[in-house]
Amino acid sequence: MDLLKIIYLIGFTIDVIGKILIAYTALAVHTRFRHEHKVDEAVFKTMRNEYIWAILGIVLIIIGYFFQLPYKLI
């Protein structure tokens, strides 16, 4: 496997992980609201935690983009 294909594979993998993290955080917060039926400190704590995971997911998507970019330009 040449270097360009390895970089593309890494970028694709990072991109997918980032998208999964963002989807997970969105689903988790909705699940928490559905079970709690109210907004209290526990819900806000969960939302802050999920916010961090969502930011990480966005960063991974951006990194994945730059890993995939050289392959797309060919």
PDB file of N, CA and C in Angstrom:
ATOM      1  N   MET A   1       0.854  -1.175   0.000  1.00  0.00           N
ATOM      2  CA  MET A   1       0.000   0.000   0.000  1.00  0.00           C
ATOM      3  C   MET A   1       0.901   1.240   0.000  1.00  0.00           C
ATOM      4  N   ASP A   2       0.610   2.174  -0.873  1.00  0.00           N
ATOM      5  CA  ASP A   2       1.450   3.358  -0.880  1.00  0.00           C
ATOM      6  C   ASP A   2       1.002   4.367   0.178  1.00  0.00           C
ATOM      7  N   LEU A   3       1.845   5.331   0.437  1.00  0.00           N
ATOM      8  CA  LEU A   3       1.635   6.290   1.518  1.00  0.00           C
ATOM      9  C   LEU A   3       0.333   7.068   1.353  1.00  0.00           C
ATOM     10  N   LEU A   4      -0.007   7.447   0.149  1.00  0.00           N
ATOM     11  CA  LEU A   4      -1.218   8.221  -0.093  1.00  0.00           C
ATOM     12  C   LEU A   4      -2.470   7.438   0.299  1.00  0.00           C
ATOM     13  N   LYS A   5      -2.490   6.161   0.002  1.00  0.00           N
ATOM     14  CA  LYS A   5      -3.644   5.332   0.375  1.00  0.00           C
ATOM     15  C   LYS A   5      -3.739   5.159   1.886  1.00  0.00           C
ATOM     16  N   ILE A   6      -2.598   5.046   2.559  1.00  0.00           N
ATOM     17  CA  ILE A   6      -2.591   4.927   4.015  1.00  0.00           C
ATOM     18  C   ILE A   6      -3.129   6.212   4.648  1.00  0.00           C
ATOM     19  N   ILE A   7      -2.672   7.362   4.141  1.00  0.00           N
ATOM     20  CA  ILE A   7      -3.158   8.644   4.648  1.00  0.00           C
ATOM     21  C   ILE A   7      -4.665   8.766   4.420  1.00  0.00           C
ATOM     22  N   TYR A   8      -5.129   8.357   3.259  1.00  0.00           N
ATOM     23  CA  TYR A   8      -6.563   8.410   2.970  1.00  0.00           C
ATOM     24  C   TYR A   8      -7.345   7.509   3.926  1.00  0.00           C
ATOM     25  N   LEU A   9      -6.847   6.324   4.181  1.00  0.00           N
ATOM     26  CA  LEU A   9      -7.513   5.393   5.089  1.00  0.00           C
ATOM     27  C   LEU A   9      -7.581   5.963   6.506  1.00  0.00           C
ATOM     28  N   ILE A  10      -6.488   6.568   6.966  1.00  0.00           N
ATOM     29  CA  ILE A  10      -6.479   7.196   8.285  1.00  0.00           C
ATOM     30  C   ILE A  10      -7.486   8.335   8.329  1.00  0.00           C
ATOM     31  N   GLY A  11      -7.499   9.170   7.314  1.00  0.00           N
ATOM     32  CA  GLY A  11      -8.444  10.284   7.259  1.00  0.00           C
ATOM     33  C   GLY A  11      -9.887   9.819   7.245  1.00  0.00           C
ATOM     34  N   PHE A  12     -10.157   8.805   6.471  1.00  0.00           N
ATOM     35  CA  PHE A  12     -11.516   8.249   6.403  1.00  0.00           C
ATOM     36  C   PHE A  12     -11.943   7.700   7.767  1.00  0.00           C
ATOM     37  N   THR A  13     -11.039   6.991   8.434  1.00  0.00           N
ATOM     38  CA  THR A  13     -11.340   6.412   9.744  1.00  0.00           C
ATOM     39  C   THR A  13     -11.599   7.505  10.779  1.00  0.00           C
ATOM     40  N   ILE A  14     -10.758   8.521  10.809  1.00  0.00           N
ATOM     41  CA  ILE A  14     -10.941   9.623  11.754  1.00  0.00           C
ATOM     42  C   ILE A  14     -12.254  10.344  11.488  1.00  0.00           C
ATOM     43  N   ASP A  15     -12.580  10.549  10.231  1.00  0.00           N
ATOM     44  CA  ASP A  15     -13.830  11.209   9.854  1.00  0.00           C
ATOM     45  C   ASP A  15     -15.039  10.421  10.350  1.00  0.00           C
ATOM     46  N   VAL A  16     -15.018   9.124  10.158  1.00  0.00           N
ATOM     47  CA  VAL A  16     -16.132   8.276  10.594  1.00  0.00           C
ATOM     48  C   VAL A  16     -16.254   8.291  12.119  1.00  0.00           C
ATOM     49  N   ILE A  17     -15.142   8.209  12.828  1.00  0.00           N
ATOM     50  CA  ILE A  17     -15.182   8.253  14.295  1.00  0.00           C
ATOM     51  C   ILE A  17     -15.776   9.579  14.763  1.00  0.00           C
ATOM     52  N   GLY A  18     -15.381  10.670  14.141  1.00  0.00           N
ATOM     53  CA  GLY A  18     -15.922  11.977  14.499  1.00  0.00           C
ATOM     54  C   GLY A  18     -17.420  12.058  14.289  1.00  0.00           C
ATOM     55  N   LYS A  19     -17.903  11.553  13.180  1.00  0.00           N
ATOM     56  CA  LYS A  19     -19.342  11.568  12.904  1.00  0.00           C
ATOM     57  C   LYS A  19     -20.110  10.698  13.897  1.00  0.00           C
ATOM     58  N   ILE A  20     -19.532   9.566  14.245  1.00  0.00           N
ATOM     59  CA  ILE A  20     -20.183   8.688  15.226  1.00  0.00           C
ATOM     60  C   ILE A  20     -20.259   9.372  16.588  1.00  0.00           C
ATOM     61  N   LEU A  21     -19.192  10.064  17.001  1.00  0.00           N
ATOM     62  CA  LEU A  21     -19.199  10.765  18.284  1.00  0.00           C
ATOM     63  C   LEU A  21     -20.273  11.849  18.330  1.00  0.00           C
ATOM     64  N   ILE A  22     -20.406  12.597  17.254  1.00  0.00           N
ATOM     65  CA  ILE A  22     -21.431  13.648  17.219  1.00  0.00           C
ATOM     66  C   ILE A  22     -22.824  13.031  17.252  1.00  0.00           C
ATOM     67  N   ALA A  23     -23.029  11.971  16.495  1.00  0.00           N
ATOM     68  CA  ALA A  23     -24.335  11.303  16.511  1.00  0.00           C
ATOM     69  C   ALA A  23     -24.630  10.730  17.891  1.00  0.00           C
ATOM     70  N   TYR A  24     -23.637  10.153  18.531  1.00  0.00           N
ATOM     71  CA  TYR A  24     -23.821   9.592  19.870  1.00  0.00           C
ATOM     72  C   TYR A  24     -24.239  10.667  20.866  1.00  0.00           C
ATOM     73  N   THR A  25     -23.559  11.802  20.836  1.00  0.00           N
ATOM     74  CA  THR A  25     -23.897  12.851  21.798  1.00  0.00           C
ATOM     75  C   THR A  25     -25.301  13.382  21.572  1.00  0.00           C
ATOM     76  N   ALA A  26     -25.708  13.530  20.324  1.00  0.00           N
ATOM     77  CA  ALA A  26     -27.073  13.999  20.048  1.00  0.00           C
ATOM     78  C   ALA A  26     -28.102  12.985  20.559  1.00  0.00           C
ATOM     79  N   LEU A  27     -27.857  11.719  20.310  1.00  0.00           N
ATOM     80  CA  LEU A  27     -28.788  10.691  20.786  1.00  0.00           C
ATOM     81  C   LEU A  27     -28.805  10.599  22.302  1.00  0.00           C
ATOM     82  N   ALA A  28     -27.648  10.731  22.916  1.00  0.00           N
ATOM     83  CA  ALA A  28     -27.569  10.608  24.374  1.00  0.00           C
ATOM     84  C   ALA A  28     -28.334  11.720  25.074  1.00  0.00           C
ATOM     85  N   VAL A  29     -28.214  12.941  24.584  1.00  0.00           N
ATOM     86  CA  VAL A  29     -28.920  14.041  25.237  1.00  0.00           C
ATOM     87  C   VAL A  29     -30.430  13.894  25.063  1.00  0.00           C
ATOM     88  N   HIS A  30     -30.859  13.443  23.907  1.00  0.00           N
ATOM     89  CA  HIS A  30     -32.296  13.227  23.708  1.00  0.00           C
ATOM     90  C   HIS A  30     -32.809  12.096  24.596  1.00  0.00           C
ATOM     91  N   THR A  31     -32.025  11.056  24.748  1.00  0.00           N
ATOM     92  CA  THR A  31     -32.408   9.950  25.627  1.00  0.00           C
ATOM     93  C   THR A  31     -32.524  10.424  27.066  1.00  0.00           C
ATOM     94  N   ARG A  32     -31.571  11.225  27.494  1.00  0.00           N
ATOM     95  CA  ARG A  32     -31.595  11.745  28.868  1.00  0.00           C
ATOM     96  C   ARG A  32     -32.851  12.598  29.101  1.00  0.00           C
ATOM     97  N   PHE A  33     -33.178  13.463  28.165  1.00  0.00           N
ATOM     98  CA  PHE A  33     -34.390  14.282  28.296  1.00  0.00           C
ATOM     99  C   PHE A  33     -35.645  13.416  28.329  1.00  0.00           C
ATOM    100  N   ARG A  34     -35.660  12.383  27.495  1.00  0.00           N
ATOM    101  CA  ARG A  34     -36.835  11.515  27.439  1.00  0.00           C
ATOM    102  C   ARG A  34     -37.048  10.797  28.772  1.00  0.00           C
ATOM    103  N   HIS A  35     -35.976  10.357  29.399  1.00  0.00           N
ATOM    104  CA  HIS A  35     -36.103   9.628  30.663  1.00  0.00           C
ATOM    105  C   HIS A  35     -36.367  10.562  31.844  1.00  0.00           C
ATOM    106  N   GLU A  36     -35.795  11.745  31.825  1.00  0.00           N
ATOM    107  CA  GLU A  36     -35.906  12.652  32.966  1.00  0.00           C
ATOM    108  C   GLU A  36     -37.198  13.475  32.937  1.00  0.00           C
ATOM    109  N   HIS A  37     -37.623  13.892  31.748  1.00  0.00           N
ATOM    110  CA  HIS A  37     -38.797  14.757  31.581  1.00  0.00           C
ATOM    111  C   HIS A  37     -38.647  16.084  32.310  1.00  0.00           C
ATOM    112  N   LYS A  38     -37.417  16.432  32.651  1.00  0.00           N
ATOM    113  CA  LYS A  38     -37.157  17.709  33.301  1.00  0.00           C
ATOM    114  C   LYS A  38     -35.692  18.059  33.079  1.00  0.00           C
ATOM    115  N   VAL A  39     -35.379  19.317  33.341  1.00  0.00           N
ATOM    116  CA  VAL A  39     -34.001  19.765  33.225  1.00  0.00           C
ATOM    117  C   VAL A  39     -33.527  20.129  34.624  1.00  0.00           C
ATOM    118  N   ASP A  40     -32.571  19.362  35.132  1.00  0.00           N
ATOM    119  CA  ASP A  40     -32.007  19.635  36.448  1.00  0.00           C
ATOM    120  C   ASP A  40     -30.478  19.607  36.335  1.00  0.00           C
ATOM    121  N   GLU A  41     -29.815  19.664  37.453  1.00  0.00           N
ATOM    122  CA  GLU A  41     -28.346  19.705  37.444  1.00  0.00           C
ATOM    123  C   GLU A  41     -27.747  18.453  36.811  1.00  0.00           C
ATOM    124  N   ALA A  42     -28.353  17.297  37.018  1.00  0.00           N
ATOM    125  CA  ALA A  42     -27.834  16.057  36.422  1.00  0.00           C
ATOM    126  C   ALA A  42     -27.900  16.117  34.901  1.00  0.00           C
ATOM    127  N   VAL A  43     -28.983  16.678  34.387  1.00  0.00           N
ATOM    128  CA  VAL A  43     -29.126  16.808  32.928  1.00  0.00           C
ATOM    129  C   VAL A  43     -28.093  17.791  32.394  1.00  0.00           C
ATOM    130  N   PHE A  44     -27.910  18.919  33.101  1.00  0.00           N
ATOM    131  CA  PHE A  44     -26.912  19.886  32.661  1.00  0.00           C
ATOM    132  C   PHE A  44     -25.503  19.302  32.704  1.00  0.00           C
ATOM    133  N   LYS A  45     -25.208  18.489  33.708  1.00  0.00           N
ATOM    134  CA  LYS A  45     -23.903  17.837  33.800  1.00  0.00           C
ATOM    135  C   LYS A  45     -23.697  16.898  32.613  1.00  0.00           C
ATOM    136  N   THR A  46     -24.717  16.131  32.295  1.00  0.00           N
ATOM    137  CA  THR A  46     -24.648  15.227  31.143  1.00  0.00           C
ATOM    138  C   THR A  46     -24.452  16.015  29.854  1.00  0.00           C
ATOM    139  N   MET A  47     -25.167  17.117  29.729  1.00  0.00           N
ATOM    140  CA  MET A  47     -25.057  17.934  28.519  1.00  0.00           C
ATOM    141  C   MET A  47     -23.656  18.534  28.384  1.00  0.00           C
ATOM    142  N   ARG A  48     -23.046  18.957  29.483  1.00  0.00           N
ATOM    143  CA  ARG A  48     -21.681  19.481  29.425  1.00  0.00           C
ATOM    144  C   ARG A  48     -20.706  18.393  28.980  1.00  0.00           C
ATOM    145  N   ASN A  49     -20.875  17.188  29.497  1.00  0.00           N
ATOM    146  CA  ASN A  49     -20.026  16.063  29.112  1.00  0.00           C
ATOM    147  C   ASN A  49     -20.200  15.749  27.623  1.00  0.00           C
ATOM    148  N   GLU A  50     -21.421  15.733  27.174  1.00  0.00           N
ATOM    149  CA  GLU A  50     -21.689  15.439  25.770  1.00  0.00           C
ATOM    150  C   GLU A  50     -21.196  16.556  24.858  1.00  0.00           C
ATOM    151  N   TYR A  51     -21.182  17.782  25.360  1.00  0.00           N
ATOM    152  CA  TYR A  51     -20.648  18.909  24.603  1.00  0.00           C
ATOM    153  C   TYR A  51     -19.175  18.679  24.287  1.00  0.00           C
ATOM    154  N   ILE A  52     -18.427  18.185  25.269  1.00  0.00           N
ATOM    155  CA  ILE A  52     -17.004  17.899  25.068  1.00  0.00           C
ATOM    156  C   ILE A  52     -16.821  16.811  24.014  1.00  0.00           C
ATOM    157  N   TRP A  53     -17.636  15.758  24.085  1.00  0.00           N
ATOM    158  CA  TRP A  53     -17.552  14.686  23.085  1.00  0.00           C
ATOM    159  C   TRP A  53     -17.908  15.200  21.694  1.00  0.00           C
ATOM    160  N   ALA A  54     -18.879  16.088  21.615  1.00  0.00           N
ATOM    161  CA  ALA A  54     -19.270  16.654  20.317  1.00  0.00           C
ATOM    162  C   ALA A  54     -18.142  17.493  19.733  1.00  0.00           C
ATOM    163  N   ILE A  55     -17.487  18.294  20.567  1.00  0.00           N
ATOM    164  CA  ILE A  55     -16.352  19.089  20.096  1.00  0.00           C
ATOM    165  C   ILE A  55     -15.247  18.174  19.596  1.00  0.00           C
ATOM    166  N   LEU A  56     -14.965  17.103  20.335  1.00  0.00           N
ATOM    167  CA  LEU A  56     -13.956  16.138  19.891  1.00  0.00           C
ATOM    168  C   LEU A  56     -14.356  15.538  18.542  1.00  0.00           C
ATOM    169  N   GLY A  57     -15.632  15.208  18.386  1.00  0.00           N
ATOM    170  CA  GLY A  57     -16.110  14.671  17.112  1.00  0.00           C
ATOM    171  C   GLY A  57     -15.898  15.644  15.970  1.00  0.00           C
ATOM    172  N   ILE A  58     -16.169  16.918  16.204  1.00  0.00           N
ATOM    173  CA  ILE A  58     -15.974  17.931  15.167  1.00  0.00           C
ATOM    174  C   ILE A  58     -14.495  18.051  14.810  1.00  0.00           C
ATOM    175  N   VAL A  59     -13.637  18.030  15.814  1.00  0.00           N
ATOM    176  CA  VAL A  59     -12.195  18.103  15.562  1.00  0.00           C
ATOM    177  C   VAL A  59     -11.740  16.903  14.735  1.00  0.00           C
ATOM    178  N   LEU A  60     -12.242  15.718  15.053  1.00  0.00           N
ATOM    179  CA  LEU A  60     -11.867  14.523  14.286  1.00  0.00           C
ATOM    180  C   LEU A  60     -12.353  14.612  12.839  1.00  0.00           C
ATOM    181  N   ILE A  61     -13.531  15.160  12.620  1.00  0.00           N
ATOM    182  CA  ILE A  61     -14.026  15.336  11.252  1.00  0.00           C
ATOM    183  C   ILE A  61     -13.102  16.276  10.478  1.00  0.00           C
ATOM    184  N   ILE A  62     -12.673  17.360  11.117  1.00  0.00           N
ATOM    185  CA  ILE A  62     -11.776  18.307  10.452  1.00  0.00           C
ATOM    186  C   ILE A  62     -10.427  17.650  10.146  1.00  0.00           C
ATOM    187  N   ILE A  63      -9.881  16.913  11.106  1.00  0.00           N
ATOM    188  CA  ILE A  63      -8.617  16.212  10.868  1.00  0.00           C
ATOM    189  C   ILE A  63      -8.776  15.199   9.742  1.00  0.00           C
ATOM    190  N   GLY A  64      -9.888  14.458   9.774  1.00  0.00           N
ATOM    191  CA  GLY A  64     -10.153  13.490   8.715  1.00  0.00           C
ATOM    192  C   GLY A  64     -10.230  14.144   7.346  1.00  0.00           C
ATOM    193  N   TYR A  65     -10.799  15.336   7.301  1.00  0.00           N
ATOM    194  CA  TYR A  65     -10.890  16.077   6.040  1.00  0.00           C
ATOM    195  C   TYR A  65      -9.494  16.345   5.476  1.00  0.00           C
ATOM    196  N   PHE A  66      -8.597  16.823   6.336  1.00  0.00           N
ATOM    197  CA  PHE A  66      -7.255  17.142   5.858  1.00  0.00           C
ATOM    198  C   PHE A  66      -6.462  15.894   5.479  1.00  0.00           C
ATOM    199  N   PHE A  67      -6.740  14.771   6.119  1.00  0.00           N
ATOM    200  CA  PHE A  67      -6.084  13.530   5.712  1.00  0.00           C
ATOM    201  C   PHE A  67      -6.603  13.060   4.347  1.00  0.00           C
ATOM    202  N   GLN A  68      -7.864  13.287   4.066  1.00  0.00           N
ATOM    203  CA  GLN A  68      -8.465  12.837   2.804  1.00  0.00           C
ATOM    204  C   GLN A  68      -8.201  13.806   1.655  1.00  0.00           C
ATOM    205  N   LEU A  69      -7.920  15.045   1.967  1.00  0.00           N
ATOM    206  CA  LEU A  69      -7.765  16.087   0.950  1.00  0.00           C
ATOM    207  C   LEU A  69      -6.731  15.754  -0.117  1.00  0.00           C
ATOM    208  N   PRO A  70      -5.525  15.281   0.232  1.00  0.00           N
ATOM    209  CA  PRO A  70      -4.547  14.989  -0.833  1.00  0.00           C
ATOM    210  C   PRO A  70      -5.057  13.953  -1.828  1.00  0.00           C
ATOM    211  N   TYR A  71      -5.768  12.954  -1.346  1.00  0.00           N
ATOM    212  CA  TYR A  71      -6.282  11.914  -2.241  1.00  0.00           C
ATOM    213  C   TYR A  71      -7.358  12.488  -3.162  1.00  0.00           C
ATOM    214  N   LYS A  72      -8.176  13.372  -2.637  1.00  0.00           N
ATOM    215  CA  LYS A  72      -9.254  13.972  -3.427  1.00  0.00           C
ATOM    216  C   LYS A  72      -8.716  14.894  -4.508  1.00  0.00           C
ATOM    217  N   LEU A  73      -7.540  15.479  -4.287  1.00  0.00           N
ATOM    218  CA  LEU A  73      -6.969  16.423  -5.238  1.00  0.00           C
ATOM    219  C   LEU A  73      -6.323  15.739  -6.440  1.00  0.00           C
ATOM    220  N   ILE A  74      -6.107  14.438  -6.333  1.00  0.00           N
ATOM    221  CA  ILE A  74      -5.465  13.702  -7.439  1.00  0.00           C
ATOM    222  C   ILE A  74      -6.474  13.424  -8.527  1.00  0.00           C
TER     223      ILE A  74
END
